[in-house]
N, C-alpha and C. Protein backbone atom coordinates (compact mmCIF):
# COMPACT_ATOMS: atom_id res chain seq x y z
N MET A 1 20.51 0.27 8.70
CA MET A 1 19.18 0.22 7.61
C MET A 1 19.18 1.68 7.44
N ARG A 2 18.84 1.61 5.90
CA ARG A 2 18.73 2.80 5.47
C ARG A 2 17.08 2.93 4.58
N ILE A 3 16.58 3.86 4.59
CA ILE A 3 14.81 3.83 3.68
C ILE A 3 15.03 5.18 3.16
N GLU A 4 15.34 4.83 1.26
CA GLU A 4 14.65 5.97 0.76
C GLU A 4 13.53 5.89 -0.46
N ARG A 5 12.99 7.15 -0.50
CA ARG A 5 11.66 7.00 -1.05
C ARG A 5 12.12 7.02 -2.72
N TYR A 6 11.12 7.49 -3.78
CA TYR A 6 11.41 7.20 -5.04
C TYR A 6 10.23 7.60 -5.57
N ASP A 7 10.30 8.94 -6.56
CA ASP A 7 9.01 9.07 -7.60
C ASP A 7 8.60 7.95 -8.22
N GLY A 8 7.76 7.48 -9.37
CA GLY A 8 7.38 7.09 -9.96
C GLY A 8 8.32 6.54 -11.22
N HIS A 9 8.79 7.58 -11.90
CA HIS A 9 10.51 7.55 -12.56
C HIS A 9 11.99 6.78 -11.90
N GLU A 10 11.66 7.30 -10.82
CA GLU A 10 13.08 6.80 -10.40
C GLU A 10 12.70 5.53 -9.17
N ALA A 11 11.13 4.90 -9.56
CA ALA A 11 11.00 3.26 -8.95
C ALA A 11 11.52 2.75 -10.01
N ALA A 12 11.27 3.03 -11.12
CA ALA A 12 11.81 1.77 -11.95
C ALA A 12 13.32 1.56 -12.40
N TRP A 13 13.94 2.05 -11.01
CA TRP A 13 15.30 2.09 -11.03
C TRP A 13 15.12 0.57 -9.77
N VAL A 14 14.74 0.61 -8.84
CA VAL A 14 14.63 0.04 -7.62
C VAL A 14 13.10 -1.18 -8.00
N GLU A 15 12.61 -1.25 -9.57
CA GLU A 15 11.69 -2.78 -9.62
C GLU A 15 12.68 -3.59 -9.02
N ASP A 16 13.71 -4.11 -9.89
CA ASP A 16 13.86 -5.37 -8.93
C ASP A 16 14.44 -5.62 -7.58
N GLU A 17 14.47 -4.41 -7.05
CA GLU A 17 14.56 -5.10 -5.82
C GLU A 17 13.55 -5.10 -4.69
N LEU A 18 12.58 -4.02 -5.19
CA LEU A 18 11.00 -4.37 -4.83
C LEU A 18 10.57 -5.39 -5.14
N ARG A 19 10.83 -5.93 -6.09
CA ARG A 19 10.05 -7.64 -6.75
C ARG A 19 10.79 -8.33 -5.98
N THR A 20 11.89 -8.18 -5.49
CA THR A 20 12.52 -9.65 -4.63
C THR A 20 12.11 -9.04 -2.80
N VAL A 21 11.36 -7.94 -2.26
CA VAL A 21 10.72 -8.41 -1.62
C VAL A 21 9.45 -8.85 -1.52
N TYR A 22 8.83 -8.44 -2.46
CA TYR A 22 7.36 -8.98 -2.41
C TYR A 22 7.67 -10.20 -2.63
N ARG A 23 8.10 -11.13 -3.57
CA ARG A 23 8.24 -12.09 -3.90
C ARG A 23 8.49 -12.78 -2.33
N GLU A 24 9.63 -12.61 -1.79
CA GLU A 24 9.61 -13.24 -0.51
C GLU A 24 8.39 -13.26 0.38
N ALA A 25 7.95 -12.01 0.49
CA ALA A 25 7.19 -11.72 1.35
C ALA A 25 6.14 -11.93 1.15
N PHE A 26 5.50 -12.42 -0.41
CA PHE A 26 4.04 -13.12 -0.34
C PHE A 26 3.77 -13.99 -0.57
N ALA A 27 5.46 -15.02 -0.82
CA ALA A 27 4.98 -16.48 -0.72
C ALA A 27 4.80 -17.23 -0.05
N GLU A 28 4.38 -16.78 1.63
CA GLU A 28 3.89 -17.45 2.35
C GLU A 28 2.30 -17.42 2.31
N PRO A 29 1.97 -18.24 3.24
CA PRO A 29 0.33 -18.22 3.49
C PRO A 29 0.29 -16.82 4.36
N PRO A 30 -0.96 -16.54 3.89
CA PRO A 30 -2.20 -16.50 3.44
C PRO A 30 -2.16 -16.53 2.17
N TYR A 31 -0.88 -15.44 1.41
CA TYR A 31 -0.67 -15.11 -0.19
C TYR A 31 -0.54 -16.23 -0.91
N ASP A 32 0.14 -17.03 -0.68
CA ASP A 32 1.28 -18.02 -1.64
C ASP A 32 1.19 -17.65 -3.14
N LYS A 33 1.36 -16.98 -3.06
CA LYS A 33 2.54 -16.00 -4.40
C LYS A 33 3.08 -16.74 -5.58
N THR A 34 2.62 -16.66 -6.79
CA THR A 34 3.22 -17.95 -7.59
C THR A 34 4.53 -17.12 -8.12
N SER A 35 5.52 -17.25 -8.81
CA SER A 35 5.75 -16.52 -10.13
C SER A 35 5.18 -16.43 -10.61
N GLU A 36 3.88 -16.86 -11.31
CA GLU A 36 2.62 -15.30 -11.96
C GLU A 36 2.65 -14.38 -11.41
N ASP A 37 1.63 -15.08 -10.65
CA ASP A 37 1.51 -13.82 -9.43
C ASP A 37 2.33 -12.55 -9.03
N VAL A 38 3.61 -12.65 -9.35
CA VAL A 38 4.63 -11.96 -8.98
C VAL A 38 4.89 -10.96 -10.56
N GLU A 39 4.73 -11.78 -11.22
CA GLU A 39 5.03 -10.96 -12.57
C GLU A 39 3.55 -9.86 -12.94
N ALA A 40 2.14 -10.46 -12.75
CA ALA A 40 1.31 -9.74 -13.15
C ALA A 40 1.49 -8.96 -12.13
N ASN A 41 1.87 -9.00 -10.68
CA ASN A 41 1.87 -7.61 -10.01
C ASN A 41 2.79 -6.78 -10.61
N PHE A 42 3.77 -6.76 -10.92
CA PHE A 42 5.17 -6.12 -11.57
C PHE A 42 4.44 -5.76 -12.97
N ARG A 43 3.97 -6.23 -13.60
CA ARG A 43 3.32 -5.27 -14.75
C ARG A 43 2.42 -4.23 -14.16
N ARG A 44 1.39 -4.57 -13.86
CA ARG A 44 0.76 -3.35 -13.25
C ARG A 44 1.34 -2.30 -12.40
N PHE A 45 2.42 -2.39 -11.29
CA PHE A 45 3.34 -1.95 -11.09
C PHE A 45 3.90 -0.97 -12.04
N ARG A 46 4.01 -1.25 -12.88
CA ARG A 46 5.12 -0.53 -14.02
C ARG A 46 3.82 0.63 -14.71
N SER A 47 2.15 0.29 -14.75
CA SER A 47 1.52 1.30 -14.72
C SER A 47 1.60 2.13 -14.24
N GLN A 48 1.35 1.81 -12.47
CA GLN A 48 1.20 2.11 -11.45
C GLN A 48 2.25 3.57 -11.11
N ALA A 49 3.62 3.29 -10.98
CA ALA A 49 4.71 3.77 -11.15
C ALA A 49 4.25 5.54 -12.11
N LYS A 50 3.65 5.65 -13.24
CA LYS A 50 3.71 6.40 -14.45
C LYS A 50 2.17 7.51 -13.30
N LYS A 51 1.69 6.89 -12.11
CA LYS A 51 0.38 7.98 -12.09
C LYS A 51 0.89 8.57 -11.52
N ALA A 52 0.10 10.44 -11.49
CA ALA A 52 0.52 11.61 -11.21
C ALA A 52 1.32 11.06 -9.64
N GLY A 53 1.86 11.83 -8.48
CA GLY A 53 1.81 11.58 -7.20
C GLY A 53 2.62 9.73 -6.73
N PHE A 54 2.81 9.18 -7.91
CA PHE A 54 3.25 8.10 -7.74
C PHE A 54 4.41 7.96 -6.19
N ARG A 55 4.31 7.19 -5.08
CA ARG A 55 5.89 7.59 -4.65
C ARG A 55 6.08 5.89 -3.91
N ALA A 56 7.30 5.67 -4.17
CA ALA A 56 7.90 4.39 -3.54
C ALA A 56 8.73 4.60 -2.18
N VAL A 57 8.68 3.26 -1.84
CA VAL A 57 9.70 3.40 -0.04
C VAL A 57 10.58 1.68 -0.33
N LEU A 58 11.73 1.88 0.16
CA LEU A 58 12.60 0.87 -0.12
C LEU A 58 13.25 0.99 1.06
N ALA A 59 13.23 0.20 1.92
CA ALA A 59 14.43 -0.12 3.31
C ALA A 59 15.53 -1.54 2.83
N ARG A 60 16.89 -0.86 2.62
CA ARG A 60 17.50 -1.63 2.80
C ARG A 60 18.92 -1.59 3.91
N THR A 61 19.55 -2.80 3.81
CA THR A 61 20.25 -3.24 4.87
C THR A 61 21.41 -2.14 4.39
N ASP A 62 22.53 -2.51 5.45
CA ASP A 62 24.04 -1.16 5.48
C ASP A 62 24.50 -2.29 4.26
N ASP A 63 24.25 -3.04 3.91
CA ASP A 63 25.02 -4.16 2.67
C ASP A 63 24.51 -3.96 1.41
N GLY A 64 23.32 -2.68 1.56
CA GLY A 64 22.44 -2.51 0.36
C GLY A 64 21.71 -3.45 0.15
N GLU A 65 21.05 -5.24 1.41
CA GLU A 65 19.84 -5.86 0.87
C GLU A 65 18.86 -5.61 0.66
N PRO A 66 17.64 -5.65 -0.02
CA PRO A 66 16.88 -4.98 -0.10
C PRO A 66 15.89 -5.98 1.28
N ALA A 67 15.22 -4.67 2.38
CA ALA A 67 14.62 -5.64 3.18
C ALA A 67 12.81 -5.37 3.21
N ALA A 68 12.25 -4.34 2.91
CA ALA A 68 11.36 -3.65 3.30
C ALA A 68 10.75 -2.71 1.71
N MET A 69 9.83 -2.60 1.34
CA MET A 69 9.08 -1.74 0.49
C MET A 69 7.52 -1.42 0.96
N ALA A 70 7.44 -0.35 0.50
CA ALA A 70 6.16 0.09 0.11
C ALA A 70 5.88 0.92 -0.64
N TYR A 71 4.53 0.91 -1.83
CA TYR A 71 4.07 2.10 -2.91
C TYR A 71 3.03 2.32 -3.12
N GLY A 72 2.62 3.51 -3.72
CA GLY A 72 0.48 3.92 -3.91
C GLY A 72 0.96 5.10 -4.36
N TYR A 73 -0.02 5.39 -4.70
CA TYR A 73 -0.25 6.62 -5.11
C TYR A 73 -2.01 7.34 -5.10
N PRO A 74 -1.85 8.83 -5.51
CA PRO A 74 -3.84 9.58 -4.92
C PRO A 74 -4.64 8.54 -5.98
N LEU A 75 -5.48 8.56 -5.39
CA LEU A 75 -6.16 7.71 -5.85
C LEU A 75 -7.61 8.67 -7.10
N PRO A 76 -7.78 8.24 -8.76
CA PRO A 76 -7.79 9.70 -9.36
C PRO A 76 -9.50 9.58 -8.65
N ALA A 77 -10.59 10.47 -9.18
CA ALA A 77 -11.81 10.55 -8.91
C ALA A 77 -12.57 9.37 -9.28
N SER A 78 -12.17 8.55 -10.51
CA SER A 78 -12.83 7.41 -11.45
C SER A 78 -12.42 6.58 -10.73
N THR A 79 -11.51 6.08 -9.06
CA THR A 79 -11.48 4.69 -9.11
C THR A 79 -12.23 3.48 -9.05
N GLY A 80 -12.10 2.92 -9.04
CA GLY A 80 -12.95 1.94 -8.63
C GLY A 80 -12.64 0.85 -7.74
N TRP A 81 -11.91 1.75 -7.01
CA TRP A 81 -11.84 0.71 -5.48
C TRP A 81 -13.18 0.65 -5.14
N TRP A 82 -14.08 1.73 -4.92
CA TRP A 82 -15.00 1.50 -3.71
C TRP A 82 -16.35 0.47 -4.96
N ASP A 83 -15.77 -0.06 -5.80
CA ASP A 83 -16.41 -1.10 -6.43
C ASP A 83 -17.21 -2.11 -6.34
N THR A 84 -15.62 -2.79 -5.53
CA THR A 84 -15.47 -3.68 -5.34
C THR A 84 -16.41 -4.52 -3.95
N LEU A 85 -16.89 -3.41 -3.06
CA LEU A 85 -16.96 -3.73 -1.57
C LEU A 85 -18.40 -4.52 -1.69
N THR A 86 -18.32 -5.71 -0.80
CA THR A 86 -19.19 -6.70 -0.59
C THR A 86 -20.63 -6.24 0.16
N GLU A 87 -20.53 -5.16 0.31
CA GLU A 87 -21.72 -4.16 1.13
C GLU A 87 -21.54 -2.81 0.37
N PRO A 88 -22.29 -2.16 0.32
CA PRO A 88 -22.43 -0.32 0.14
C PRO A 88 -22.01 0.12 1.12
N VAL A 89 -21.02 1.32 1.09
CA VAL A 89 -20.95 2.51 2.33
C VAL A 89 -21.49 3.89 1.95
N PRO A 90 -21.33 4.50 3.15
CA PRO A 90 -22.12 5.57 2.77
C PRO A 90 -20.98 6.80 1.74
N ALA A 91 -21.49 7.18 0.86
CA ALA A 91 -21.51 8.03 -0.01
C ALA A 91 -20.05 9.22 0.42
N GLU A 92 -20.49 9.49 1.76
CA GLU A 92 -19.21 10.66 2.09
C GLU A 92 -18.08 9.49 2.35
N VAL A 93 -17.80 8.09 2.77
CA VAL A 93 -16.92 7.53 2.60
C VAL A 93 -16.04 7.03 1.51
N SER A 94 -16.60 6.88 0.68
CA SER A 94 -16.15 6.60 -0.79
C SER A 94 -16.06 7.34 -1.52
N ARG A 95 -16.45 8.64 -1.55
CA ARG A 95 -16.53 9.87 -2.02
C ARG A 95 -14.57 10.23 -2.54
N GLU A 96 -14.57 10.57 -3.82
CA GLU A 96 -13.05 10.41 -4.10
C GLU A 96 -13.09 11.63 -5.27
N ASP A 97 -11.87 12.58 -5.14
CA ASP A 97 -11.77 13.70 -6.54
C ASP A 97 -10.91 14.12 -6.76
N GLY A 98 -9.80 12.79 -6.86
CA GLY A 98 -8.58 12.86 -6.93
C GLY A 98 -7.33 13.79 -6.48
N ARG A 99 -7.91 13.60 -5.24
CA ARG A 99 -7.11 14.48 -4.10
C ARG A 99 -6.85 14.04 -2.92
N ARG A 100 -8.24 13.42 -2.38
CA ARG A 100 -8.65 12.94 -1.60
C ARG A 100 -7.90 11.79 -0.40
N THR A 101 -7.63 10.68 -1.60
CA THR A 101 -7.00 9.39 -1.43
C THR A 101 -6.03 8.92 -1.89
N PHE A 102 -4.67 8.23 -0.91
CA PHE A 102 -3.66 8.12 -0.95
C PHE A 102 -3.75 6.45 -0.84
N GLY A 103 -3.68 5.90 -2.06
CA GLY A 103 -4.08 4.60 -2.21
C GLY A 103 -2.93 4.16 -1.84
N LEU A 104 -2.72 3.12 -0.83
CA LEU A 104 -1.35 2.32 -0.58
C LEU A 104 -1.86 0.67 -0.94
N PHE A 105 -0.79 0.70 -1.93
CA PHE A 105 -0.76 -0.51 -2.79
C PHE A 105 -0.28 -2.15 -2.30
N GLU A 106 0.87 -1.85 -1.58
CA GLU A 106 1.60 -2.60 -1.11
C GLU A 106 2.53 -2.01 -0.42
N LEU A 107 2.47 -3.19 0.51
CA LEU A 107 3.62 -2.56 2.03
C LEU A 107 4.17 -4.35 2.53
N ALA A 108 5.28 -4.51 1.85
CA ALA A 108 5.87 -5.63 2.30
C ALA A 108 7.57 -5.61 3.29
N VAL A 109 7.62 -7.13 4.25
CA VAL A 109 9.33 -6.96 4.66
C VAL A 109 9.01 -8.32 4.63
N ARG A 110 10.31 -8.69 3.96
CA ARG A 110 11.07 -9.80 3.27
C ARG A 110 11.07 -10.48 5.42
N PRO A 111 11.08 -11.62 5.25
CA PRO A 111 10.83 -12.87 6.34
C PRO A 111 12.09 -12.66 7.54
N ALA A 112 13.48 -12.28 6.85
CA ALA A 112 14.38 -12.34 7.96
C ALA A 112 14.52 -10.93 8.26
N TRP A 113 13.87 -10.37 7.98
CA TRP A 113 14.19 -8.14 8.65
C TRP A 113 12.60 -8.26 9.47
N ARG A 114 11.66 -9.43 9.66
CA ARG A 114 10.51 -8.82 10.47
C ARG A 114 10.66 -8.75 12.00
N ARG A 115 9.85 -8.27 12.61
CA ARG A 115 9.92 -7.83 13.85
C ARG A 115 11.68 -6.89 14.19
N GLN A 116 11.31 -5.67 13.42
CA GLN A 116 12.36 -5.47 13.55
C GLN A 116 11.74 -3.51 13.13
N HIS A 117 10.29 -3.50 13.45
CA HIS A 117 9.32 -2.24 13.25
C HIS A 117 10.16 -1.88 11.67
N LEU A 118 10.28 -2.32 10.33
CA LEU A 118 10.60 -2.27 9.62
C LEU A 118 9.41 -1.69 8.57
N ALA A 119 7.89 -2.48 9.15
CA ALA A 119 6.98 -2.03 8.45
C ALA A 119 6.87 -0.83 8.99
N THR A 120 6.73 -0.53 10.16
CA THR A 120 6.15 0.86 10.56
C THR A 120 7.19 2.17 9.95
N ALA A 121 8.73 1.74 10.11
CA ALA A 121 9.71 3.00 9.23
C ALA A 121 9.00 2.96 7.78
N VAL A 122 8.73 1.95 7.13
CA VAL A 122 8.33 1.75 5.97
C VAL A 122 7.32 2.64 5.56
N HIS A 123 6.49 2.38 6.35
CA HIS A 123 5.08 3.15 6.19
C HIS A 123 4.78 4.49 6.45
N HIS A 124 5.73 5.11 7.45
CA HIS A 124 5.30 6.34 8.16
C HIS A 124 6.63 7.22 6.62
N GLU A 125 7.69 6.36 6.42
CA GLU A 125 8.55 7.05 5.33
C GLU A 125 7.59 7.57 3.88
N LEU A 126 7.01 6.45 4.02
CA LEU A 126 5.79 6.82 2.41
C LEU A 126 4.63 7.65 2.65
N LEU A 127 4.52 7.67 3.98
CA LEU A 127 2.89 8.83 4.13
C LEU A 127 3.38 10.17 4.33
N ASP A 128 4.77 10.16 4.64
CA ASP A 128 5.37 11.61 5.23
C ASP A 128 5.66 12.63 4.25
N GLY A 129 4.33 14.15 5.05
CA GLY A 129 4.63 14.92 3.88
C GLY A 129 3.11 14.99 2.55
N LEU A 130 2.38 13.28 2.48
CA LEU A 130 1.33 13.42 1.57
C LEU A 130 0.19 15.05 1.96
N ALA A 131 -0.75 14.91 0.79
CA ALA A 131 -1.14 16.09 0.90
C ALA A 131 -2.78 15.62 0.92
N GLN A 132 -3.25 14.77 0.93
CA GLN A 132 -3.92 13.55 1.12
C GLN A 132 -4.44 13.25 2.35
N GLU A 133 -5.74 13.34 2.47
CA GLU A 133 -7.37 13.31 3.91
C GLU A 133 -6.54 11.80 4.59
N ARG A 134 -6.86 10.78 3.77
CA ARG A 134 -6.99 9.95 4.11
C ARG A 134 -5.50 8.67 3.38
N VAL A 135 -5.66 7.22 3.72
CA VAL A 135 -4.99 6.52 3.02
C VAL A 135 -6.25 5.59 3.30
N LEU A 136 -5.96 4.98 2.10
CA LEU A 136 -7.22 3.84 1.81
C LEU A 136 -6.17 2.30 1.46
N LEU A 137 -6.40 1.16 1.90
CA LEU A 137 -5.43 0.38 1.76
C LEU A 137 -6.88 -1.39 1.56
N ASN A 138 -6.15 -2.42 0.88
CA ASN A 138 -7.11 -3.36 1.64
C ASN A 138 -6.13 -4.78 1.95
N THR A 139 -6.39 -5.50 2.79
CA THR A 139 -5.80 -6.42 3.52
C THR A 139 -6.18 -7.96 3.68
N ARG A 140 -5.52 -9.21 3.96
CA ARG A 140 -6.33 -10.15 3.95
C ARG A 140 -6.73 -10.27 5.33
N PRO A 141 -7.63 -10.91 5.89
CA PRO A 141 -8.07 -10.52 7.21
C PRO A 141 -7.66 -11.57 7.98
N GLU A 142 -6.62 -12.84 7.21
CA GLU A 142 -5.84 -13.66 7.86
C GLU A 142 -4.23 -13.46 8.25
N ALA A 143 -4.29 -12.07 7.64
CA ALA A 143 -2.60 -12.11 7.77
C ALA A 143 -2.87 -11.25 8.57
N GLU A 144 -2.84 -12.00 9.91
CA GLU A 144 -3.40 -11.21 11.40
C GLU A 144 -1.94 -10.46 11.56
N ALA A 145 -0.58 -10.62 11.68
CA ALA A 145 0.48 -9.51 11.94
C ALA A 145 0.29 -8.23 11.17
N ALA A 146 -0.05 -8.43 10.28
CA ALA A 146 -0.15 -7.15 9.11
C ALA A 146 -1.19 -6.48 9.50
N GLY A 147 -2.57 -6.70 9.83
CA GLY A 147 -3.92 -6.43 10.31
C GLY A 147 -3.61 -6.12 11.70
N HIS A 148 -2.83 -6.11 12.70
CA HIS A 148 -2.70 -5.81 13.75
C HIS A 148 -1.36 -4.71 13.87
N ALA A 149 -0.43 -4.33 12.48
CA ALA A 149 0.15 -3.54 12.50
C ALA A 149 -0.75 -2.12 12.32
N TYR A 150 -1.66 -2.50 10.93
CA TYR A 150 -2.41 -1.33 10.44
C TYR A 150 -3.07 -0.39 11.48
N HIS A 151 -4.24 -1.81 12.67
CA HIS A 151 -4.68 -0.84 13.10
C HIS A 151 -4.10 -0.94 14.76
N SER A 152 -3.09 -0.64 14.63
CA SER A 152 -1.98 -0.26 15.80
C SER A 152 -1.39 1.39 15.15
N TRP A 153 -1.43 1.88 13.77
CA TRP A 153 -0.88 2.83 13.34
C TRP A 153 -2.30 3.16 12.80
N GLY A 154 -3.66 3.22 13.67
CA GLY A 154 -4.79 3.86 13.12
C GLY A 154 -5.86 3.56 11.81
N TYR A 155 -5.63 2.87 11.18
CA TYR A 155 -6.13 2.39 10.23
C TYR A 155 -7.68 1.51 10.95
N GLU A 156 -8.78 1.88 10.41
CA GLU A 156 -9.84 1.60 10.55
C GLU A 156 -10.66 0.90 9.22
N LYS A 157 -11.19 0.01 9.73
CA LYS A 157 -11.71 -1.34 8.73
C LYS A 157 -13.34 -0.21 8.28
N VAL A 158 -13.50 -0.40 7.16
CA VAL A 158 -14.62 0.36 6.56
C VAL A 158 -15.58 -0.34 5.77
N GLY A 159 -14.88 -1.76 5.61
CA GLY A 159 -15.98 -2.33 4.82
C GLY A 159 -14.99 -4.20 4.50
N GLU A 160 -15.65 -4.55 3.43
CA GLU A 160 -15.01 -6.22 3.01
C GLU A 160 -15.22 -5.50 1.20
N SER A 161 -14.40 -6.17 0.61
CA SER A 161 -14.05 -6.22 -0.75
C SER A 161 -13.16 -7.55 -1.04
N HIS A 162 -13.52 -7.75 -2.34
CA HIS A 162 -13.57 -9.11 -3.05
C HIS A 162 -12.53 -7.95 -4.29
N PRO A 163 -11.16 -7.50 -4.18
CA PRO A 163 -11.06 -6.68 -5.15
C PRO A 163 -10.83 -7.06 -6.44
N TRP A 164 -10.91 -8.47 -6.53
CA TRP A 164 -10.48 -9.02 -8.69
C TRP A 164 -10.99 -9.55 -8.31
N THR A 165 -11.72 -10.01 -9.78
CA THR A 165 -12.11 -11.58 -9.99
C THR A 165 -11.31 -12.52 -8.95
N GLY A 166 -12.40 -13.48 -8.19
CA GLY A 166 -10.98 -14.19 -7.86
C GLY A 166 -10.83 -14.22 -6.69
N ALA A 167 -10.57 -13.10 -6.09
CA ALA A 167 -9.96 -12.36 -5.09
C ALA A 167 -10.69 -13.27 -4.07
N ALA A 168 -9.78 -13.27 -2.78
CA ALA A 168 -9.82 -13.70 -1.40
C ALA A 168 -10.73 -12.73 -0.78
N LEU A 169 -11.45 -12.70 0.13
CA LEU A 169 -11.85 -11.15 0.82
C LEU A 169 -10.78 -10.73 1.31
N HIS A 170 -11.05 -9.28 0.90
CA HIS A 170 -9.94 -8.54 2.14
C HIS A 170 -11.00 -7.39 2.81
N ASP A 171 -10.23 -6.72 3.82
CA ASP A 171 -10.63 -5.92 4.94
C ASP A 171 -10.38 -4.91 3.77
N VAL A 172 -10.86 -3.67 3.88
CA VAL A 172 -10.59 -2.73 3.42
C VAL A 172 -10.58 -1.86 4.65
N LEU A 173 -8.95 -0.99 4.93
CA LEU A 173 -9.29 0.22 5.54
C LEU A 173 -8.73 1.56 5.29
N VAL A 174 -9.34 2.64 6.39
CA VAL A 174 -9.24 3.54 6.08
C VAL A 174 -7.99 4.69 6.86
N LEU A 175 -6.88 5.45 7.13
CA LEU A 175 -6.25 6.34 8.09
C LEU A 175 -6.31 7.56 7.93
N ASP A 176 -7.31 8.01 8.48
CA ASP A 176 -6.97 9.62 8.58
C ASP A 176 -5.86 10.17 9.20
N LEU A 177 -5.46 11.20 7.70
CA LEU A 177 -4.43 11.38 8.07
C LEU A 177 -3.68 12.91 9.34
N PRO A 178 -3.50 12.70 10.25
CA PRO A 178 -3.31 13.72 11.26
C PRO A 178 -2.49 15.19 10.29
N GLY A 179 -3.13 16.33 10.58
CA GLY A 179 -2.49 17.26 10.18
C GLY A 179 -3.17 17.95 8.91
N TRP A 180 -4.04 16.80 8.63
CA TRP A 180 -5.14 17.57 7.72
C TRP A 180 -6.21 18.29 7.66
N ASP A 181 -6.11 18.72 6.94
CA ASP A 181 -7.44 20.92 7.78
C ASP A 181 -8.73 20.69 6.66
N GLN A 182 -9.16 20.34 6.92
CA GLN A 182 -10.62 20.42 6.12
C GLN A 182 -10.97 21.45 5.67
N THR A 183 -10.56 23.12 6.40
CA THR A 183 -10.86 24.28 5.93
C THR A 183 -10.06 24.61 4.67
N ALA A 184 -8.34 24.15 4.52
CA ALA A 184 -7.27 24.43 3.90
C ALA A 184 -8.50 24.05 2.54
N PRO A 185 -7.91 25.13 1.71
CA PRO A 185 -8.46 25.13 0.33
C PRO A 185 -7.95 24.14 -0.56
N ALA A 186 -8.40 23.41 -1.77
CA ALA A 186 -8.15 22.06 -2.10
C ALA A 186 -7.01 22.90 -2.68
């Protein structure tokens, strides 16, 4: 297995492989993503890939088959991520300045390659060397395997959200990144 990281420009080169992972990983419950959902996600992906600091990770088998992926980017100060919580959180939790938080938008492993620690590997590769203080993500509470993985990596639930109109309830999780120095100049 090899894992490669891409910036936003480079991610366009592997969009079809990322889409393959996403389509298979999220086709089953609790997600039940349709072809239309996949296409909508990758329209957003093309816009997200243009954001400053975007990075994607793709794991491939030795014969080149895409097996797992993750991607995200630093949240801007004007992010709407915190606006969809069901209950407000303290201002210190939701404060964004454009440098504080890396938003993890997708992390997925194709069913045939699950239970081989690929989620851990792509997660760690995606976060390796980040300058941000923390990582933020949304996850479906009924996606128990994903929730267990996030908690084992140190994520803590800070709230619940309906991230878009009509969305199911999601847990909002934050991971404080080790080695981040609060006294260092920004």
